[in-house]
Structure formats: C-alpha cells, structure tokens
Amino acid sequence: MAALAQNANPFAPQIIVNGRGITGYELQQRILMLELLNSPGDLVEEAEKGLIEDRLRVDAGARLGVSPSPEDVTLGMEEFAGRANLNLKQFETLLTQRGIAPESFREFVRAGLVWREVVGRRFGPRSQITEDEIDRAIAISSRSGSARILISEIILRADTPEFKEQAQATAARLKEQIKSPGAFAAAARSLSVAPTGARGGRVDWVDLSNLPPALASRLLVLGPNEVSDPIPLGGNAIAVFMVRDLEELDAELPDSVSVEFARYALGDTAPGRVTSEIDTCDDLYGVAKGQPEERLQREVLAIADLDDATALTLAKLDENETAVVNQGGQNVLYMLCGRTPALDEDFDRTALRNSLRNQRVNAYADGYLAELRASAIIKRP
C-alpha cells in the first residue's frame, strides 16, 4: 500500500480537481477500501482515478441539483453491504477493522447514487429499447451459425446534384463493363474516393451481421466476381461491389446488432495527428476539448438504424479502430467503440430489455464521464 511522505500532512490536498482538493487521507482510505474489495491493478492509480471521477460525478450532480437524502445514502450503504452477505453494522465493523472510516464509505456510496441520478436524468429518455431491438437481439442470440463475406468496393462521390448524376452514370457503366477482379481493382484505384481505393477496393472479411440487412441481402445474391447494381449510400455516395468470396455457416440472413461509435469532424486537422493521440473513443474527448460540441458525436445505435454509408464504414472496423470518410467535402473520422454482444436466448423479454438498456446507459455514462474528465482542470500542488 502506498504511504504518504514522512511527516506529510495527511489532510493536505494531493490532487486538485476543478478547485477542490483530494487529501492524502482520502487517498489512503480509498486504497484500503480497494484492498478490502480485492481490486486488481495498481491500487494507488485506481484510488486516484476513482476519487477524481467521484469529484466529477458529484460536481455534475450539483449542477443538476442532485443531492441524495441521508436516508437514501444509508439504503445505498445497506445495499452495498448486502453484496457481501452482511448487514450494514457488520460491514461497518469490517471496515473499521481494516482502518476504513464509515464516513469514507458513506461518501463513496453517495457519489455513486449522485451519478446514478445524473445518468438517469441525462440519458434515460435516449436509452429506451424498442420492441424491434429486442426482436433483433433474440434473433442474434438464437442463431446457430453466421456468415461472412469478402468484397471489393468502389465508392463514388454523390453529395451534390452534379456529382450524383456523374456517379450514377459511372456506376452503371462499371456494372456493365467490369468482368474480372483485375478490372475492378484498376477502376477502384482510379475512381474510388474510399481509403480502400489505393488497394484496389479490397475489403477484409466482413460479418454479414455487421452490414445493413438491405445491403447484405443484395450482396448475397451475387455470384463470385459479379458486380452489384449501383447502391446509394445515404445522400453522399454511390457504390458498386464485387463479391470475392462468401463463407456461409448459416443459410439464414443474419440479423443486425447494435454498435457504439464516435464521429469526429476533422476540419483542417490531419487525420494522423488525431489518431496518434487516441487509443479508445474516450480519448477523443481530450482531442475535442474546447471545440464546438457538434464536432464530436458519440452514439449507440442498431445497425438497422444507421444509414448504409455509416454502417458499411463501421462494418470494416474492429473495436478502437478508425476510418476517415469524406462527407460533403469534409473529412470525418469514425471510431468503433464496441459492438453489442449476442445475448442468451433464455432471457425473457423484460430481462432482455433491461440488459440492452443497461448496455446503452453505461455507454452513454462512460462517454459523459470521459467528457467531464477531458474538460476538468486537474492539478497536483
């Protein structure tokens, strides 16, 4: 366990978060609590991280007027103690034996209750789950197999009437004239505005469940090396695809899943400058700090609810991978934060709804907390 420097004042601030201090005593108390809970990792780092985030949670609650009553906090403490199969008095006795003050435990629980209320107020209406989403989750969890497809793509710009007309004519010509993978690759290198154009339009294996159902069904009817009809991708692009291979483990067309992703308008910023600073979606909040809110957007949506262009972009990405797409003459960086996992088919609809809602709420909450931390002024005296 980390200790304060000899003769240091335990009540002196060790970290200052938006003008409010975290004392050495608070850090030691949190470390002791993490030890009691058998938390993994570097306990000093985890204690600092947890206390900083608790400050941010409580501050966010204060701005919304959230203040749990003493009775609510006591109920929260009893609930926490119950997870260890102890009543509150027994748990507080255990804390005292480990050198943890009951008040430290109370503040820990209070911060959690504040955050629960903040998240509910901010994201509750946005986290509702539709019956269609429940049906899709059940279909995914009950599916015995899957399918994936190997394609090449040519993406043509179509974000103005002039470009759209030109793209439609070019796509129709490609459909009629291309008869081989080599010809398709040559056309992709010279015409495609997608990053894949440089490698002849070749895309790595894509799970069909990650594609919009309408697009997946159109690709499934193509034979090997056959070129698709022109396919509009939202209002910004028109695409043609060539199917190079299909690995089918289930003849049924897979249903869609949900994805969490971030979208950042690059403006004049070089993509490499941004990608060198980020490892996860949360890091984008630091990149966007001080910029207009609309430049960075983070969403959790079912693939069926995405436009085809966005769904296709995300289908090619693994978690925490990025892609840069030109939209209306502007470069936009997409980052995949995560995909909704398949759920147990034995869940009833209520349990399934709650599970999906919790995933969505947690994603929103994690993103908001990362945003608060990126905007915070954190100093060490």
Protein backbone atom coordinates (compact mmCIF):
# COMPACT_ATOMS: atom_id res chain seq x y z
CA MET A 1 0.00 0.00 0.00
CA ALA A 2 1.28 3.44 -0.87
CA ALA A 3 2.05 5.76 2.02
CA LEU A 4 2.29 9.50 2.34
CA ALA A 5 5.71 11.02 2.60
CA GLN A 6 7.05 11.01 6.17
CA ASN A 7 5.74 13.96 8.24
CA ALA A 8 3.39 14.95 5.42
CA ASN A 9 0.08 16.46 6.49
CA PRO A 10 -2.49 13.74 5.64
CA PHE A 11 -5.19 16.37 5.19
CA ALA A 12 -3.23 18.46 2.71
CA PRO A 13 -4.50 18.33 -0.89
CA GLN A 14 -2.64 15.84 -3.07
CA ILE A 15 -4.75 16.42 -6.18
CA ILE A 16 -6.97 19.39 -7.05
CA VAL A 17 -9.98 18.79 -9.30
CA ASN A 18 -11.70 21.93 -10.57
CA GLY A 19 -10.54 23.81 -7.49
CA ARG A 20 -11.49 21.10 -4.97
CA GLY A 21 -8.80 19.14 -3.18
CA ILE A 22 -8.39 15.41 -2.67
CA THR A 23 -6.39 14.86 0.50
CA GLY A 24 -3.79 12.27 1.30
CA TYR A 25 -6.16 10.87 3.90
CA GLU A 26 -8.87 10.32 1.28
CA LEU A 27 -6.38 8.55 -0.96
CA GLN A 28 -5.24 6.24 1.82
CA GLN A 29 -8.84 5.46 2.73
CA ARG A 30 -9.71 4.61 -0.87
CA ILE A 31 -6.62 2.38 -1.19
CA LEU A 32 -7.66 0.49 1.94
CA MET A 33 -11.16 0.06 0.52
CA LEU A 34 -9.78 -1.25 -2.78
CA GLU A 35 -7.64 -3.73 -0.84
CA LEU A 36 -10.71 -4.92 1.04
CA LEU A 37 -12.57 -5.42 -2.24
CA ASN A 38 -9.61 -7.27 -3.79
CA SER A 39 -9.49 -4.80 -6.67
CA PRO A 40 -6.93 -5.58 -9.40
CA GLY A 41 -4.30 -3.26 -10.82
CA ASP A 42 -2.16 -0.54 -9.28
CA LEU A 43 -4.17 0.46 -6.21
CA VAL A 44 -2.62 3.93 -5.98
CA GLU A 45 -3.55 4.71 -9.58
CA GLU A 46 -7.01 3.21 -9.14
CA ALA A 47 -7.59 5.18 -5.94
CA GLU A 48 -6.61 8.45 -7.60
CA LYS A 49 -8.72 7.69 -10.65
CA GLY A 50 -11.74 6.75 -8.55
CA LEU A 51 -11.59 9.83 -6.33
CA ILE A 52 -11.10 12.17 -9.29
CA GLU A 53 -14.09 10.65 -11.03
CA ASP A 54 -16.16 10.84 -7.83
CA ARG A 55 -15.43 14.58 -7.67
CA LEU A 56 -16.59 14.94 -11.26
CA ARG A 57 -19.72 12.88 -10.59
CA VAL A 58 -20.67 14.95 -7.55
CA ASP A 59 -19.99 18.22 -9.40
CA ALA A 60 -22.19 17.08 -12.28
CA GLY A 61 -24.90 16.27 -9.76
CA ALA A 62 -24.60 19.68 -8.12
CA ARG A 63 -25.18 21.38 -11.47
CA LEU A 64 -28.43 19.43 -11.80
CA GLY A 65 -29.45 19.93 -8.18
CA VAL A 66 -28.97 16.24 -7.31
CA SER A 67 -28.48 15.64 -3.59
CA PRO A 68 -29.40 12.23 -2.13
CA SER A 69 -31.04 12.34 1.28
CA PRO A 70 -29.22 10.80 4.27
CA GLU A 71 -31.85 8.06 4.24
CA ASP A 72 -31.14 7.26 0.58
CA VAL A 73 -27.42 7.10 1.26
CA THR A 74 -27.98 4.72 4.17
CA LEU A 75 -30.12 2.49 1.95
CA GLY A 76 -27.33 2.52 -0.63
CA MET A 77 -24.82 1.50 2.03
CA GLU A 78 -27.08 -1.34 3.13
CA GLU A 79 -27.40 -2.49 -0.48
CA PHE A 80 -23.61 -2.46 -0.90
CA ALA A 81 -23.10 -4.39 2.34
CA GLY A 82 -25.68 -6.92 1.20
CA ARG A 83 -23.49 -7.85 -1.77
CA ALA A 84 -21.05 -9.28 0.78
CA ASN A 85 -23.93 -11.03 2.56
CA LEU A 86 -23.54 -8.71 5.55
CA ASN A 87 -25.86 -6.20 7.17
CA LEU A 88 -24.67 -2.61 7.42
CA LYS A 89 -23.50 -2.87 11.03
CA GLN A 90 -21.46 -5.98 10.25
CA PHE A 91 -19.93 -4.35 7.16
CA GLU A 92 -19.02 -1.16 9.05
CA THR A 93 -17.35 -3.31 11.72
CA LEU A 94 -15.29 -4.96 9.00
CA LEU A 95 -14.38 -1.56 7.58
CA THR A 96 -13.25 -0.31 10.99
CA GLN A 97 -11.09 -3.40 11.47
CA ARG A 98 -9.36 -2.56 8.17
CA GLY A 99 -8.83 1.08 9.15
CA ILE A 100 -11.59 2.47 6.94
CA ALA A 101 -13.78 5.18 8.43
CA PRO A 102 -17.56 4.76 7.95
CA GLU A 103 -17.67 8.31 6.58
CA SER A 104 -15.28 7.36 3.77
CA PHE A 105 -17.61 4.52 2.84
CA ARG A 106 -20.60 6.87 3.04
CA GLU A 107 -19.01 9.37 0.61
CA PHE A 108 -18.11 6.55 -1.77
CA VAL A 109 -21.73 5.36 -1.85
CA ARG A 110 -23.08 8.91 -2.06
CA ALA A 111 -21.03 9.66 -5.19
CA GLY A 112 -22.42 6.52 -6.81
CA LEU A 113 -26.01 7.50 -6.01
CA VAL A 114 -25.47 11.00 -7.38
CA TRP A 115 -24.08 9.59 -10.61
CA ARG A 116 -26.96 7.13 -10.99
CA GLU A 117 -29.42 10.05 -10.79
CA VAL A 118 -27.36 12.23 -13.16
CA VAL A 119 -27.17 9.49 -15.76
CA GLY A 120 -30.88 8.76 -15.44
CA ARG A 121 -31.82 12.38 -15.99
CA ARG A 122 -29.46 12.97 -18.89
CA PHE A 123 -29.78 9.71 -20.77
CA GLY A 124 -32.92 7.97 -19.56
CA PRO A 125 -35.13 9.11 -22.47
CA ARG A 126 -32.39 8.27 -25.00
CA SER A 127 -31.81 4.77 -23.64
CA GLN A 128 -35.26 3.30 -24.24
CA ILE A 129 -35.26 -0.02 -26.09
CA THR A 130 -37.78 -0.69 -28.85
CA GLU A 131 -39.56 -3.96 -29.49
CA ASP A 132 -37.69 -4.25 -32.81
CA GLU A 133 -34.36 -4.08 -30.99
CA ILE A 134 -35.48 -6.81 -28.60
CA ASP A 135 -36.56 -8.97 -31.56
CA ARG A 136 -33.18 -8.46 -33.23
CA ALA A 137 -31.31 -9.37 -30.05
CA ILE A 138 -33.35 -12.57 -29.66
CA ALA A 139 -32.70 -13.49 -33.29
CA ILE A 140 -28.97 -12.93 -32.88
CA SER A 141 -28.71 -14.96 -29.67
CA SER A 142 -30.68 -17.88 -31.10
CA ARG A 143 -28.77 -18.08 -34.36
CA SER A 144 -26.80 -21.32 -34.68
CA GLY A 145 -24.19 -20.01 -37.08
CA SER A 146 -23.12 -16.97 -39.06
CA ALA A 147 -21.82 -15.86 -42.41
CA ARG A 148 -19.10 -13.54 -43.57
CA ILE A 149 -18.32 -12.06 -46.94
CA LEU A 150 -15.22 -10.92 -48.81
CA ILE A 151 -15.89 -7.94 -51.05
CA SER A 152 -14.26 -5.20 -53.06
CA GLU A 153 -15.82 -1.75 -53.26
CA ILE A 154 -15.81 1.35 -55.41
CA ILE A 155 -17.25 4.39 -53.62
CA LEU A 156 -18.20 7.35 -55.80
CA ARG A 157 -18.85 10.85 -54.52
CA ALA A 158 -22.51 11.90 -54.82
CA ASP A 159 -23.00 14.75 -52.35
CA THR A 160 -24.08 17.37 -54.90
CA PRO A 161 -26.53 17.07 -57.83
CA GLU A 162 -23.64 17.25 -60.30
CA PHE A 163 -21.57 14.59 -58.54
CA LYS A 164 -24.65 12.40 -58.05
CA GLU A 165 -25.50 12.43 -61.74
CA GLN A 166 -21.90 11.69 -62.67
CA ALA A 167 -21.67 8.90 -60.06
CA GLN A 168 -24.87 7.23 -61.27
CA ALA A 169 -23.61 7.16 -64.83
CA THR A 170 -20.17 5.88 -63.80
CA ALA A 171 -21.61 3.16 -61.54
CA ALA A 172 -23.95 1.94 -64.28
CA ARG A 173 -21.04 1.80 -66.73
CA LEU A 174 -18.90 -0.14 -64.24
CA LYS A 175 -21.70 -2.65 -63.74
CA GLU A 176 -21.85 -3.34 -67.48
CA GLN A 177 -18.15 -3.24 -68.32
CA ILE A 178 -16.27 -4.89 -65.44
CA LYS A 179 -15.89 -8.64 -65.94
CA SER A 180 -12.88 -9.54 -63.79
CA PRO A 181 -11.32 -8.77 -60.39
CA GLY A 182 -8.37 -7.13 -62.11
CA ALA A 183 -10.60 -4.69 -63.99
CA PHE A 184 -12.49 -3.91 -60.79
CA ALA A 185 -9.25 -3.24 -58.90
CA ALA A 186 -7.99 -0.92 -61.63
CA ALA A 187 -11.27 1.02 -61.58
CA ALA A 188 -11.17 1.29 -57.80
CA ARG A 189 -7.65 2.73 -57.84
CA SER A 190 -8.61 5.42 -60.33
CA LEU A 191 -12.19 6.25 -59.27
CA SER A 192 -12.96 5.31 -55.67
CA VAL A 193 -12.91 8.05 -53.02
CA ALA A 194 -12.71 5.46 -50.20
CA PRO A 195 -9.39 4.66 -48.48
CA THR A 196 -9.70 1.13 -49.90
CA GLY A 197 -9.27 2.54 -53.42
CA ALA A 198 -5.48 2.51 -53.03
CA ARG A 199 -5.56 -1.27 -52.62
CA GLY A 200 -7.93 -1.93 -55.48
CA GLY A 201 -11.07 -1.64 -53.37
CA ARG A 202 -10.30 -4.78 -51.40
CA VAL A 203 -12.05 -5.08 -48.03
CA ASP A 204 -11.15 -7.70 -45.41
CA TRP A 205 -13.69 -10.29 -44.28
CA VAL A 206 -16.90 -8.65 -43.00
CA ASP A 207 -19.53 -10.38 -40.89
CA LEU A 208 -22.89 -10.10 -42.62
CA SER A 209 -24.45 -9.30 -39.26
CA ASN A 210 -22.43 -6.07 -39.24
CA LEU A 211 -23.93 -4.87 -42.53
CA PRO A 212 -27.33 -3.21 -43.01
CA PRO A 213 -29.82 -6.03 -43.76
CA ALA A 214 -30.86 -4.47 -47.07
CA LEU A 215 -27.25 -4.25 -48.25
CA ALA A 216 -26.42 -7.75 -47.01
CA SER A 217 -29.34 -9.24 -48.91
CA ARG A 218 -28.23 -7.54 -52.14
CA LEU A 219 -24.69 -8.85 -51.78
CA LEU A 220 -25.81 -12.40 -51.02
CA VAL A 221 -27.48 -12.80 -54.42
CA LEU A 222 -24.24 -12.00 -56.30
CA GLY A 223 -22.13 -14.79 -57.71
CA PRO A 224 -18.32 -14.90 -57.46
CA ASN A 225 -16.67 -11.88 -59.14
CA GLU A 226 -20.09 -10.44 -60.06
CA VAL A 227 -20.55 -6.68 -59.77
CA SER A 228 -23.57 -5.23 -57.99
CA ASP A 229 -26.01 -2.69 -59.34
CA PRO A 230 -25.31 0.88 -58.18
CA ILE A 231 -26.20 1.15 -54.49
CA PRO A 232 -26.83 4.57 -52.89
CA LEU A 233 -25.08 5.07 -49.54
CA GLY A 234 -27.11 7.77 -47.84
CA GLY A 235 -27.05 11.02 -49.75
CA ASN A 236 -23.30 11.31 -50.08
CA ALA A 237 -22.10 8.37 -52.15
CA ILE A 238 -22.98 5.66 -54.64
CA ALA A 239 -21.22 2.31 -54.50
CA VAL A 240 -20.68 -0.79 -56.56
CA PHE A 241 -19.41 -4.01 -55.00
CA MET A 242 -17.80 -7.19 -56.21
CA VAL A 243 -18.16 -10.35 -54.13
CA ARG A 244 -14.87 -12.23 -53.97
CA ASP A 245 -15.88 -14.98 -51.56
CA LEU A 246 -18.60 -15.99 -49.13
CA GLU A 247 -18.16 -18.19 -46.09
CA GLU A 248 -21.62 -19.28 -45.04
CA LEU A 249 -22.21 -21.24 -41.85
CA ASP A 250 -25.91 -20.46 -41.67
CA ALA A 251 -28.13 -20.02 -44.70
CA GLU A 252 -30.38 -17.58 -42.84
CA LEU A 253 -29.54 -13.90 -43.36
CA PRO A 254 -28.07 -12.66 -40.07
CA ASP A 255 -29.95 -10.01 -38.14
CA SER A 256 -28.23 -6.79 -37.22
CA VAL A 257 -26.54 -5.91 -33.94
CA SER A 258 -26.01 -2.62 -32.13
CA VAL A 259 -22.81 -0.61 -32.27
CA GLU A 260 -21.32 2.21 -30.25
CA PHE A 261 -19.24 4.63 -32.31
CA ALA A 262 -17.76 8.12 -32.31
CA ARG A 263 -17.79 10.59 -35.19
CA TYR A 264 -15.29 13.49 -35.19
CA ALA A 265 -15.25 16.25 -37.83
CA LEU A 266 -11.57 16.77 -38.61
CA GLY A 267 -11.82 20.15 -40.29
CA ASP A 268 -8.29 21.20 -41.20
CA THR A 269 -6.71 18.74 -38.75
CA ALA A 270 -4.60 16.00 -40.32
CA PRO A 271 -6.05 12.54 -39.53
CA GLY A 272 -2.67 11.23 -38.41
CA ARG A 273 -2.39 13.96 -35.81
CA VAL A 274 -5.63 12.78 -34.19
CA THR A 275 -5.06 9.04 -34.46
CA SER A 276 -1.62 9.38 -32.87
CA GLU A 277 -3.29 10.78 -29.74
CA ILE A 278 -6.09 8.27 -29.28
CA ASP A 279 -6.30 4.63 -28.26
CA THR A 280 -10.02 4.49 -27.35
CA CYS A 281 -13.15 6.50 -28.05
CA ASP A 282 -12.83 8.19 -24.65
CA ASP A 283 -9.55 9.79 -25.80
CA LEU A 284 -11.46 11.79 -28.42
CA TYR A 285 -12.93 13.98 -25.69
CA GLY A 286 -9.44 15.23 -24.95
CA VAL A 287 -8.81 15.92 -28.63
CA ALA A 288 -12.09 17.85 -28.92
CA LYS A 289 -11.69 19.79 -25.68
CA GLY A 290 -12.63 23.44 -26.16
CA GLN A 291 -14.14 22.86 -29.60
CA PRO A 292 -17.82 23.15 -30.60
CA GLU A 293 -19.82 20.19 -29.28
CA GLU A 294 -21.10 19.24 -32.71
CA ARG A 295 -17.60 18.31 -33.91
CA LEU A 296 -17.62 15.17 -31.74
CA GLN A 297 -20.65 12.91 -31.57
CA ARG A 298 -20.91 9.53 -29.87
CA GLU A 299 -23.87 7.23 -30.37
CA VAL A 300 -25.20 3.76 -29.67
CA LEU A 301 -27.49 2.53 -32.46
CA ALA A 302 -28.78 -0.65 -34.01
CA ILE A 303 -27.13 -1.24 -37.37
CA ALA A 304 -30.58 -1.30 -38.95
CA ASP A 305 -31.00 2.29 -37.77
CA LEU A 306 -27.76 3.51 -39.40
CA ASP A 307 -27.51 4.89 -42.88
CA ASP A 308 -25.81 2.46 -45.24
CA ALA A 309 -22.64 4.54 -45.57
CA THR A 310 -22.03 4.69 -41.82
CA ALA A 311 -22.91 1.02 -41.33
CA LEU A 312 -20.51 -0.01 -44.10
CA THR A 313 -17.72 2.11 -42.63
CA LEU A 314 -18.20 0.62 -39.16
CA ALA A 315 -18.53 -2.94 -40.51
CA LYS A 316 -14.89 -2.81 -41.59
CA LEU A 317 -13.60 -1.77 -38.17
CA ASP A 318 -12.59 -3.70 -35.09
CA GLU A 319 -13.02 -2.13 -31.66
CA ASN A 320 -10.98 1.10 -31.27
CA GLU A 321 -10.07 1.16 -34.97
CA THR A 322 -10.64 4.30 -37.03
CA ALA A 323 -11.55 5.25 -40.58
CA VAL A 324 -11.62 8.63 -42.30
CA VAL A 325 -14.52 9.32 -44.65
CA ASN A 326 -15.08 12.32 -46.88
CA GLN A 327 -18.60 13.64 -46.36
CA GLY A 328 -19.70 16.66 -48.32
CA GLY A 329 -16.10 17.66 -48.94
CA GLN A 330 -15.24 17.40 -45.24
CA ASN A 331 -13.10 14.68 -43.65
CA VAL A 332 -14.81 12.86 -40.78
CA LEU A 333 -13.06 10.37 -38.52
CA TYR A 334 -15.11 7.38 -37.36
CA MET A 335 -14.04 5.20 -34.43
CA LEU A 336 -15.74 1.98 -33.39
CA CYS A 337 -16.15 1.92 -29.61
CA GLY A 338 -17.77 -1.50 -29.36
CA ARG A 339 -20.44 -3.92 -30.55
CA THR A 340 -23.38 -5.33 -28.62
CA PRO A 341 -22.63 -8.98 -27.79
CA ALA A 342 -25.09 -11.76 -28.54
CA LEU A 343 -27.43 -12.33 -25.65
CA ASP A 344 -28.63 -15.54 -24.02
CA GLU A 345 -31.72 -16.82 -25.79
CA ASP A 346 -33.20 -17.88 -22.44
CA PHE A 347 -33.68 -14.26 -21.36
CA ASP A 348 -37.32 -13.23 -21.22
CA ARG A 349 -38.26 -10.00 -22.96
CA THR A 350 -38.17 -7.95 -19.77
CA ALA A 351 -34.71 -9.19 -18.81
CA LEU A 352 -33.55 -8.69 -22.38
CA ARG A 353 -34.89 -5.13 -22.45
CA ASN A 354 -33.15 -4.33 -19.16
CA SER A 355 -29.86 -5.81 -20.37
CA LEU A 356 -29.91 -3.81 -23.61
CA ARG A 357 -30.92 -0.65 -21.78
CA ASN A 358 -28.13 -1.08 -19.23
CA GLN A 359 -25.58 -1.50 -22.02
CA ARG A 360 -26.80 1.67 -23.69
CA VAL A 361 -26.94 3.68 -20.47
CA ASN A 362 -23.46 2.51 -19.45
CA ALA A 363 -22.07 3.52 -22.83
CA TYR A 364 -23.60 6.98 -22.52
CA ALA A 365 -22.41 7.30 -18.91
CA ASP A 366 -18.83 6.27 -19.75
CA GLY A 367 -18.72 8.75 -22.60
CA TYR A 368 -20.08 11.57 -20.43
CA LEU A 369 -17.60 10.84 -17.63
CA ALA A 370 -14.74 10.86 -20.14
CA GLU A 371 -16.03 14.20 -21.43
CA LEU A 372 -16.13 15.62 -17.89
CA ARG A 373 -12.59 14.45 -17.24
CA ALA A 374 -11.31 15.91 -20.51
CA SER A 375 -12.85 19.27 -19.59
CA ALA A 376 -11.68 19.25 -15.97
CA ILE A 377 -8.73 21.18 -14.56
CA ILE A 378 -6.73 18.62 -12.59
CA LYS A 379 -3.54 19.72 -10.82
CA ARG A 380 -1.12 18.47 -8.21
CA PRO A 381 0.11 21.04 -5.67
